[in-house]
Amino acid sequence: MIFSSPLVSICNPSLRALHCIHLPLPPGPPPSGRYARQPQKFPPLTRRGELKMNVNRPQSEEPAPSNGHGSVLTGHALRNAHLRQRALQRAATAPPLAGAIVRLRAATLGLTRLEFSRRCGVSRGTLRDLELGVHVPTRRIMRQLVDFCQAQGVPSDQLEELRRLYTGDGDDLGHLLSRLELQAGSSRELARRVGISPATLWEYKRGNFPLPLALLKQLCQAVGEEEGPAEEIWHRTEQQRLLRRGYPEALAQFWVFCGRAGYAERHLFALGLSTATVRRMRYLELPPWEDVAVVAGQLCRESELETLRQLWLRDEQRQKKNARDGFGLRLKALRKKAGIGRREIADLFGIRGKKPARIIKYIEEDGFYSVQAYPAGLAALLTSDPSEQAELLRLWEARRRQFHSRHRPETRVDLRLRRE
């Protein structure tokens, strides 16, 4: 074996003892040109034997990352620090939820994407899509992330911010139910805990049906959520729903108090309200405050009664300023002119019940009508004047449109009016 050294060592492997014969190199000039040996320059080593990079860094450049104890990061630690810095730079322009996940991983936990995916059980590709904002995490993946961060000791305010970004920034009932579903793990699990179907919970979340307050409290108890903030959100959401349907503010507040106490419209008769009072409120007209003051005192809390009374008196004055359309009075005058009794009209239109003529009376007195009695047909029956019929039909359409906006705001009102 020949070595490129001043001496040439020749070893005979057949001998038991190693005998080395050192011979001098042949005389001559050393090799030059591209065959000449170049001196190798190795970077200095740290105390751990790792290569210390960028020793002669200019002062104007960014300083090398450190581990927080004054020593410069090297090797894999330096590469991971650069990866975290680039991830935080991308998080500044990412969607809010994606940026929160990146900051939680890179800044709070100090992990790379590979380390975070291995520890929390989410694949690296899925985590990449979540951080880039390509996909929104499912409830199962979001639950994995939250559980892992809780086990690592992440502050609760950061986890709450992550939940808020996932379920939405709004404080309406749909976002509240989304947060409850996230805490339960899934919508199916949350529905199972309170004994309802997932489809019913989905309908409540979409706002297709009003959510009872008692059921909302059960949902909060199932996941350990506080009931006070949930009740405030329910109160505000229910009031906005009634206002969108055309309710006066005082009447919307009254029905919200009824729903909070668990009373429906049929329960108000047992509380002391008369049939005429309930009928007026059914058609969004405010009766005198004296008729509902006793029941309102049973429904309201300490400071709510006076506020409701002021709203009621204000809206009552506004309704009095608006002149009535005179729809019922016109029908009554035409019926008397034609000499037709109320019972005859009720039998003609097939109105059933204990007192069918009373429905016609309600229509004549204040313009209230039943689904079974069609004022459009009454207008055609009681008069032959085309202009009078057109005016009655216009007033009937305005009343009927108000009825549909209260009961069925999601249906096509114009189509239903044409059918009727």
Protein backbone atom coordinates (compact mmCIF):
# COMPACT_ATOMS: atom_id res chain seq x y z
CA MET A 1 0.00 0.00 0.00
CA ILE A 2 1.49 3.33 -1.10
CA PHE A 3 0.66 6.59 0.70
CA SER A 4 1.22 10.13 -0.55
CA SER A 5 3.64 11.01 2.23
CA PRO A 6 7.39 11.72 2.39
CA LEU A 7 7.91 8.02 3.01
CA VAL A 8 6.41 5.02 1.26
CA SER A 9 5.33 2.21 3.55
CA ILE A 10 5.29 -1.27 2.08
CA CYS A 11 3.48 -3.83 4.21
CA ASN A 12 3.50 -7.57 3.64
CA PRO A 13 0.12 -8.96 4.81
CA SER A 14 1.37 -12.57 4.66
CA LEU A 15 3.64 -12.09 7.64
CA ARG A 16 2.27 -12.52 11.14
CA ALA A 17 4.26 -9.54 12.35
CA LEU A 18 3.86 -6.25 10.58
CA HIS A 19 7.12 -5.32 8.89
CA CYS A 20 7.23 -1.91 7.33
CA ILE A 21 9.99 -0.80 5.01
CA HIS A 22 10.25 2.95 4.60
CA LEU A 23 11.69 4.08 1.28
CA PRO A 24 12.26 7.69 0.26
CA LEU A 25 10.31 9.20 -2.65
CA PRO A 26 12.10 9.54 -5.95
CA PRO A 27 13.80 12.90 -6.42
CA GLY A 28 12.08 15.52 -8.56
CA PRO A 29 9.98 18.68 -8.34
CA PRO A 30 6.59 18.46 -6.59
CA PRO A 31 3.46 18.23 -8.78
CA SER A 32 2.08 21.54 -9.99
CA GLY A 33 -0.93 22.83 -11.87
CA ARG A 34 -4.27 21.25 -11.33
CA TYR A 35 -2.63 18.18 -9.81
CA ALA A 36 -1.11 20.20 -7.01
CA ARG A 37 -2.63 19.67 -3.59
CA GLN A 38 -4.77 22.55 -2.37
CA PRO A 39 -4.83 23.35 1.34
CA GLN A 40 -8.18 22.43 2.93
CA LYS A 41 -9.86 25.04 5.12
CA PHE A 42 -12.24 23.60 7.68
CA PRO A 43 -14.65 25.82 9.67
CA PRO A 44 -13.88 25.99 13.36
CA LEU A 45 -15.62 23.50 15.63
CA THR A 46 -17.79 24.32 18.60
CA ARG A 47 -17.43 22.60 21.93
CA ARG A 48 -19.94 19.95 20.80
CA GLY A 49 -18.01 19.16 17.67
CA GLU A 50 -20.52 20.81 15.31
CA LEU A 51 -19.53 23.09 12.48
CA LYS A 52 -19.90 26.73 13.39
CA MET A 53 -21.37 28.48 10.35
CA ASN A 54 -21.02 32.11 9.35
CA VAL A 55 -18.25 32.96 11.80
CA ASN A 56 -17.12 36.08 9.98
CA ARG A 57 -20.64 37.50 9.48
CA PRO A 58 -20.65 41.22 8.65
CA GLN A 59 -22.17 43.49 11.26
CA SER A 60 -24.72 44.91 8.82
CA GLU A 61 -26.42 41.54 8.24
CA GLU A 62 -29.07 39.99 10.47
CA PRO A 63 -27.55 38.24 13.49
CA ALA A 64 -27.62 34.48 13.62
CA PRO A 65 -30.45 32.88 15.60
CA SER A 66 -29.69 31.80 19.14
CA ASN A 67 -31.27 29.36 21.53
CA GLY A 68 -32.05 32.01 24.14
CA HIS A 69 -28.98 31.24 26.28
CA GLY A 70 -26.47 33.32 24.32
CA SER A 71 -25.05 30.53 22.15
CA VAL A 72 -25.47 30.57 18.37
CA LEU A 73 -27.63 27.86 16.81
CA THR A 74 -25.88 25.51 14.43
CA GLY A 75 -26.69 22.52 12.27
CA HIS A 76 -30.24 21.19 12.42
CA ALA A 77 -31.20 23.66 15.12
CA LEU A 78 -30.24 26.53 12.82
CA ARG A 79 -32.18 25.03 9.92
CA ASN A 80 -35.29 24.54 12.09
CA ALA A 81 -35.06 28.12 13.31
CA HIS A 82 -34.95 29.37 9.73
CA LEU A 83 -37.98 27.20 8.86
CA ARG A 84 -39.95 28.66 11.76
CA GLN A 85 -39.02 32.21 10.78
CA ARG A 86 -40.18 31.68 7.21
CA ALA A 87 -43.42 30.13 8.44
CA LEU A 88 -44.10 33.16 10.65
CA GLN A 89 -43.43 35.48 7.72
CA ARG A 90 -45.98 33.61 5.59
CA ALA A 91 -48.48 33.67 8.46
CA ALA A 92 -48.65 37.47 8.23
CA THR A 93 -50.48 37.23 4.88
CA ALA A 94 -52.34 33.96 5.53
CA PRO A 95 -56.05 33.69 6.51
CA PRO A 96 -56.76 34.35 10.20
CA LEU A 97 -57.25 30.70 11.19
CA ALA A 98 -54.22 29.50 9.21
CA GLY A 99 -52.05 32.26 10.67
CA ALA A 100 -53.16 31.39 14.20
CA ILE A 101 -52.18 27.73 13.68
CA VAL A 102 -48.74 28.74 12.35
CA ARG A 103 -48.09 31.13 15.24
CA LEU A 104 -49.20 28.52 17.73
CA ARG A 105 -46.82 25.95 16.24
CA ALA A 106 -43.77 28.05 15.38
CA ALA A 107 -43.82 30.84 17.97
CA THR A 108 -45.53 29.35 21.03
CA LEU A 109 -44.41 25.71 20.82
CA GLY A 110 -41.24 26.29 18.76
CA LEU A 111 -41.77 23.23 16.57
CA THR A 112 -41.28 22.63 12.90
CA ARG A 113 -44.09 21.31 10.77
CA LEU A 114 -42.63 17.80 10.80
CA GLU A 115 -42.18 17.74 14.57
CA PHE A 116 -45.66 19.13 15.18
CA SER A 117 -47.31 16.63 12.84
CA ARG A 118 -45.54 13.68 14.45
CA ARG A 119 -46.47 14.70 17.97
CA CYS A 120 -50.11 15.70 17.48
CA GLY A 121 -51.02 12.89 15.08
CA VAL A 122 -51.95 15.02 12.05
CA SER A 123 -50.26 14.21 8.77
CA ARG A 124 -47.67 16.61 7.43
CA GLY A 125 -49.57 17.23 4.20
CA THR A 126 -52.80 18.02 6.06
CA LEU A 127 -50.95 20.40 8.36
CA ARG A 128 -49.37 22.12 5.36
CA ASP A 129 -52.80 22.66 3.75
CA LEU A 130 -54.17 24.04 7.01
CA GLU A 131 -51.29 26.48 7.42
CA LEU A 132 -51.56 27.67 3.83
CA GLY A 133 -55.32 28.15 4.14
CA VAL A 134 -56.13 25.60 1.43
CA HIS A 135 -58.56 23.70 3.67
CA VAL A 136 -60.44 24.37 6.89
CA PRO A 137 -59.79 21.75 9.59
CA THR A 138 -62.56 19.35 10.46
CA ARG A 139 -63.87 19.14 14.00
CA ARG A 140 -61.87 15.95 14.63
CA ILE A 141 -58.58 17.51 13.49
CA MET A 142 -59.34 20.73 15.33
CA ARG A 143 -60.02 18.73 18.46
CA GLN A 144 -56.66 16.95 18.05
CA LEU A 145 -54.83 20.26 17.75
CA VAL A 146 -56.55 21.75 20.79
CA ASP A 147 -55.96 18.66 22.94
CA PHE A 148 -52.28 18.52 21.99
CA CYS A 149 -51.79 22.21 22.73
CA GLN A 150 -53.52 21.84 26.09
CA ALA A 151 -51.20 18.95 26.96
CA GLN A 152 -48.19 21.11 26.04
CA GLY A 153 -49.30 23.90 28.38
CA VAL A 154 -50.38 26.48 25.82
CA PRO A 155 -52.15 29.46 27.49
CA SER A 156 -55.93 29.24 27.52
CA ASP A 157 -56.39 32.65 25.88
CA GLN A 158 -54.56 31.47 22.75
CA LEU A 159 -56.68 28.32 22.58
CA GLU A 160 -59.85 30.38 23.01
CA GLU A 161 -58.72 32.64 20.18
CA LEU A 162 -58.15 29.57 18.01
CA ARG A 163 -61.65 28.26 18.81
CA ARG A 164 -63.17 31.66 18.09
CA LEU A 165 -61.49 31.88 14.69
CA TYR A 166 -62.64 28.36 13.85
CA THR A 167 -66.27 28.79 14.87
CA GLY A 168 -66.58 32.40 13.71
CA ASP A 169 -66.15 35.90 15.05
CA GLY A 170 -69.85 36.63 15.48
CA ASP A 171 -71.79 36.30 18.71
CA ASP A 172 -74.95 34.88 17.20
CA LEU A 173 -76.60 31.59 18.03
CA GLY A 174 -75.10 29.68 15.09
CA HIS A 175 -71.52 30.46 16.13
CA LEU A 176 -72.34 29.56 19.73
CA LEU A 177 -73.62 26.14 18.66
CA SER A 178 -70.48 25.65 16.55
CA ARG A 179 -68.32 26.28 19.60
CA LEU A 180 -70.37 23.80 21.62
CA GLU A 181 -69.99 21.20 18.86
CA LEU A 182 -66.22 21.74 18.87
CA GLN A 183 -66.04 21.20 22.62
CA ALA A 184 -68.17 18.06 22.37
CA GLY A 185 -66.09 16.68 19.49
CA SER A 186 -68.84 16.52 16.87
CA SER A 187 -72.42 17.59 16.26
CA ARG A 188 -73.57 13.98 16.59
CA GLU A 189 -72.00 13.68 20.03
CA LEU A 190 -73.51 16.98 21.19
CA ALA A 191 -76.96 15.96 19.96
CA ARG A 192 -76.65 12.57 21.66
CA ARG A 193 -75.87 14.16 25.02
CA VAL A 194 -79.11 16.16 25.06
CA GLY A 195 -81.28 13.52 23.40
CA ILE A 196 -82.03 15.12 20.02
CA SER A 197 -81.12 14.15 16.48
CA PRO A 198 -78.18 15.73 14.60
CA ALA A 199 -80.63 16.93 11.94
CA THR A 200 -82.63 18.85 14.55
CA LEU A 201 -79.46 20.43 15.88
CA TRP A 202 -78.52 21.42 12.34
CA GLU A 203 -81.91 23.10 11.86
CA TYR A 204 -81.42 25.09 15.06
CA LYS A 205 -77.94 26.07 13.94
CA ARG A 206 -79.17 27.30 10.57
CA GLY A 207 -81.95 29.30 12.22
CA ASN A 208 -84.78 27.43 10.52
CA PHE A 209 -86.49 26.89 13.88
CA PRO A 210 -86.32 29.00 17.06
CA LEU A 211 -84.12 27.33 19.65
CA PRO A 212 -85.79 27.01 23.08
CA LEU A 213 -83.76 28.52 25.89
CA ALA A 214 -84.19 25.41 28.04
CA LEU A 215 -82.59 23.27 25.32
CA LEU A 216 -79.75 25.76 24.93
CA LYS A 217 -79.03 25.50 28.64
CA GLN A 218 -78.93 21.71 28.35
CA LEU A 219 -76.43 22.00 25.50
CA CYS A 220 -74.23 24.27 27.60
CA GLN A 221 -74.40 21.91 30.57
CA ALA A 222 -73.45 18.97 28.34
CA VAL A 223 -70.05 20.51 27.54
CA GLY A 224 -69.50 22.55 30.71
CA GLU A 225 -70.15 25.96 29.15
CA GLU A 226 -71.42 28.92 31.17
CA GLU A 227 -75.14 29.60 30.76
CA GLY A 228 -75.07 33.36 31.37
CA PRO A 229 -73.34 34.47 28.13
CA ALA A 230 -75.33 31.89 26.17
CA GLU A 231 -78.61 33.33 27.48
CA GLU A 232 -77.57 36.83 26.45
CA ILE A 233 -76.75 35.61 22.93
CA TRP A 234 -80.09 33.79 22.75
CA HIS A 235 -81.98 36.89 23.91
CA ARG A 236 -80.32 39.11 21.30
CA THR A 237 -80.70 36.58 18.47
CA GLU A 238 -84.37 35.90 19.20
CA GLN A 239 -85.19 39.60 19.35
CA GLN A 240 -83.47 40.24 16.01
CA ARG A 241 -85.38 37.35 14.45
CA LEU A 242 -88.72 38.84 15.50
CA LEU A 243 -87.74 42.34 14.39
CA ARG A 244 -86.86 41.02 10.93
CA ARG A 245 -90.37 39.61 10.69
CA GLY A 246 -91.93 43.01 11.24
CA TYR A 247 -92.70 42.87 14.97
CA PRO A 248 -92.78 46.16 16.87
CA GLU A 249 -89.86 46.43 19.26
CA ALA A 250 -92.04 46.25 22.37
CA LEU A 251 -93.96 43.22 21.11
CA ALA A 252 -90.74 41.46 20.12
CA GLN A 253 -89.37 42.08 23.61
CA PHE A 254 -92.57 40.71 25.16
CA TRP A 255 -92.43 37.47 23.15
CA VAL A 256 -88.75 37.04 24.02
CA PHE A 257 -89.64 37.24 27.71
CA CYS A 258 -92.37 34.65 27.12
CA GLY A 259 -89.88 32.32 25.44
CA ARG A 260 -87.39 32.79 28.26
CA ALA A 261 -90.04 31.73 30.78
CA GLY A 262 -91.05 28.78 28.60
CA TYR A 263 -94.52 30.12 27.71
CA ALA A 264 -96.08 29.77 24.28
CA GLU A 265 -99.06 31.67 22.95
CA ARG A 266 -101.51 29.09 24.27
CA HIS A 267 -100.15 29.53 27.81
CA LEU A 268 -100.97 33.23 27.94
CA PHE A 269 -104.67 32.58 28.49
CA ALA A 270 -103.89 30.83 31.77
CA LEU A 271 -101.81 33.84 32.83
CA GLY A 272 -104.79 36.16 32.50
CA LEU A 273 -104.76 37.54 28.95
CA SER A 274 -108.05 37.69 27.09
CA THR A 275 -108.65 36.15 23.70
CA ALA A 276 -109.03 39.55 22.05
CA THR A 277 -105.70 40.73 23.48
CA VAL A 278 -103.84 37.65 22.27
CA ARG A 279 -105.51 37.96 18.88
CA ARG A 280 -104.37 41.55 18.49
CA MET A 281 -100.79 40.63 19.39
CA ARG A 282 -100.98 37.72 16.97
CA TYR A 283 -101.48 40.20 14.15
CA LEU A 284 -98.72 42.52 15.40
CA GLU A 285 -101.03 45.13 16.91
CA LEU A 286 -100.39 46.38 20.42
CA PRO A 287 -103.31 46.29 22.87
CA PRO A 288 -103.43 48.85 25.69
CA TRP A 289 -100.68 48.47 28.27
CA GLU A 290 -103.24 47.95 31.04
CA ASP A 291 -104.33 44.69 29.39
CA VAL A 292 -100.85 43.14 29.51
CA ALA A 293 -99.31 44.84 32.56
CA VAL A 294 -100.12 42.00 34.98
CA VAL A 295 -98.72 39.29 32.72
CA ALA A 296 -95.66 41.41 31.90
CA GLY A 297 -94.97 41.74 35.62
CA GLN A 298 -94.86 37.95 35.90
CA LEU A 299 -92.48 37.58 32.94
CA CYS A 300 -90.06 40.47 33.47
CA ARG A 301 -87.26 40.76 35.97
CA GLU A 302 -86.47 43.73 38.21
CA SER A 303 -85.36 46.41 35.76
CA GLU A 304 -87.03 44.99 32.65
CA LEU A 305 -90.64 45.89 33.45
CA GLU A 306 -90.17 49.65 33.30
CA THR A 307 -88.16 49.42 30.07
CA LEU A 308 -90.86 47.27 28.47
CA ARG A 309 -93.59 49.68 29.59
CA GLN A 310 -91.84 52.65 28.00
CA LEU A 311 -91.30 50.75 24.74
CA TRP A 312 -94.91 49.60 24.74
CA LEU A 313 -96.34 53.09 25.21
CA ARG A 314 -94.05 54.49 22.51
CA ASP A 315 -94.97 51.84 19.92
CA GLU A 316 -98.64 52.11 20.86
CA GLN A 317 -98.61 55.83 20.09
CA ARG A 318 -96.91 55.15 16.76
CA GLN A 319 -99.58 52.65 15.77
CA LYS A 320 -102.35 55.06 16.71
CA LYS A 321 -100.89 57.69 14.41
CA ASN A 322 -101.13 55.31 11.47
CA ALA A 323 -104.71 55.38 10.25
CA ARG A 324 -106.44 52.04 9.81
CA ASP A 325 -107.12 50.88 6.32
CA GLY A 326 -110.83 50.32 7.03
CA PHE A 327 -110.87 46.88 5.46
CA GLY A 328 -113.17 45.29 8.03
CA LEU A 329 -115.49 48.29 8.20
CA ARG A 330 -115.96 48.24 4.44
CA LEU A 331 -116.85 44.56 4.50
CA LYS A 332 -119.37 45.17 7.29
CA ALA A 333 -121.03 48.02 5.41
CA LEU A 334 -121.27 45.97 2.22
CA ARG A 335 -122.71 42.97 4.09
CA LYS A 336 -125.42 45.07 5.73
CA LYS A 337 -126.21 46.73 2.43
CA ALA A 338 -126.67 43.34 0.78
CA GLY A 339 -128.70 42.02 3.73
CA ILE A 340 -126.51 38.94 4.32
CA GLY A 341 -125.93 37.54 7.81
CA ARG A 342 -122.59 36.48 9.22
CA ARG A 343 -123.66 32.88 9.60
CA GLU A 344 -124.69 32.74 5.95
CA ILE A 345 -121.26 33.96 4.86
CA ALA A 346 -119.59 31.46 7.21
CA ASP A 347 -121.65 28.60 5.76
CA LEU A 348 -120.94 29.80 2.23
CA PHE A 349 -117.18 29.64 2.78
CA GLY A 350 -117.32 26.41 4.77
CA ILE A 351 -116.07 27.82 8.07
CA ARG A 352 -116.30 25.18 10.79
CA GLY A 353 -116.03 25.37 14.54
CA LYS A 354 -118.21 26.16 17.53
CA LYS A 355 -118.79 29.78 16.53
CA PRO A 356 -118.09 30.22 12.81
CA ALA A 357 -119.90 33.57 12.62
CA ARG A 358 -117.44 35.02 15.13
CA ILE A 359 -114.63 34.73 12.59
CA ILE A 360 -116.59 36.99 10.24
CA LYS A 361 -117.15 39.32 13.18
CA TYR A 362 -113.42 39.54 13.84
CA ILE A 363 -112.84 40.37 10.19
CA GLU A 364 -115.41 43.14 10.28
CA GLU A 365 -114.31 44.66 13.57
CA ASP A 366 -110.58 45.09 13.20
CA GLY A 367 -109.55 43.45 9.96
CA PHE A 368 -108.38 40.17 11.53
CA TYR A 369 -109.09 37.12 9.48
CA SER A 370 -108.68 33.39 9.58
CA VAL A 371 -106.92 31.14 7.14
CA GLN A 372 -110.27 29.49 6.43
CA ALA A 373 -112.09 32.75 5.56
CA TYR A 374 -110.95 34.43 2.36
CA PRO A 375 -111.60 38.18 2.35
CA ALA A 376 -110.83 38.20 -1.38
CA GLY A 377 -113.90 36.05 -1.93
CA LEU A 378 -115.92 38.28 0.38
CA ALA A 379 -114.97 41.31 -1.68
CA ALA A 380 -116.16 39.61 -4.86
CA LEU A 381 -119.36 38.43 -3.19
CA LEU A 382 -120.50 41.60 -1.47
CA THR A 383 -119.96 44.14 -4.23
CA SER A 384 -120.17 44.31 -7.99
CA ASP A 385 -118.37 47.62 -8.41
CA PRO A 386 -114.96 46.94 -10.05
CA SER A 387 -113.28 49.90 -8.34
CA GLU A 388 -114.61 48.84 -4.93
CA GLN A 389 -113.47 45.27 -5.51
CA ALA A 390 -110.00 46.44 -6.55
CA GLU A 391 -109.66 48.58 -3.41
CA LEU A 392 -110.80 45.74 -1.15
CA LEU A 393 -108.41 43.34 -2.82
CA ARG A 394 -105.56 45.81 -2.34
CA LEU A 395 -106.31 46.13 1.36
CA TRP A 396 -106.69 42.37 1.66
CA GLU A 397 -103.31 41.82 -0.01
CA ALA A 398 -101.61 44.23 2.40
CA ARG A 399 -103.11 42.39 5.39
CA ARG A 400 -102.28 38.99 4.00
CA ARG A 401 -98.72 39.99 3.21
CA GLN A 402 -98.28 41.07 6.81
CA PHE A 403 -99.61 37.69 7.93
CA HIS A 404 -97.15 35.75 5.77
CA SER A 405 -94.20 37.90 6.81
CA ARG A 406 -94.95 36.98 10.43
CA HIS A 407 -95.61 33.26 10.04
CA ARG A 408 -93.72 32.19 6.91
CA PRO A 409 -91.04 34.75 6.03
CA GLU A 410 -89.04 32.21 4.06
CA THR A 411 -91.85 31.37 1.61
CA ARG A 412 -92.69 33.17 -1.61
CA VAL A 413 -95.33 35.61 -0.47
CA ASP A 414 -96.36 36.76 -3.96
CA LEU A 415 -96.91 33.19 -5.12
CA ARG A 416 -99.05 32.36 -2.09
CA LEU A 417 -101.12 35.50 -2.58
CA ARG A 418 -101.83 34.59 -6.20
CA ARG A 419 -102.89 31.11 -5.16
CA GLU A 420 -105.25 32.47 -2.51
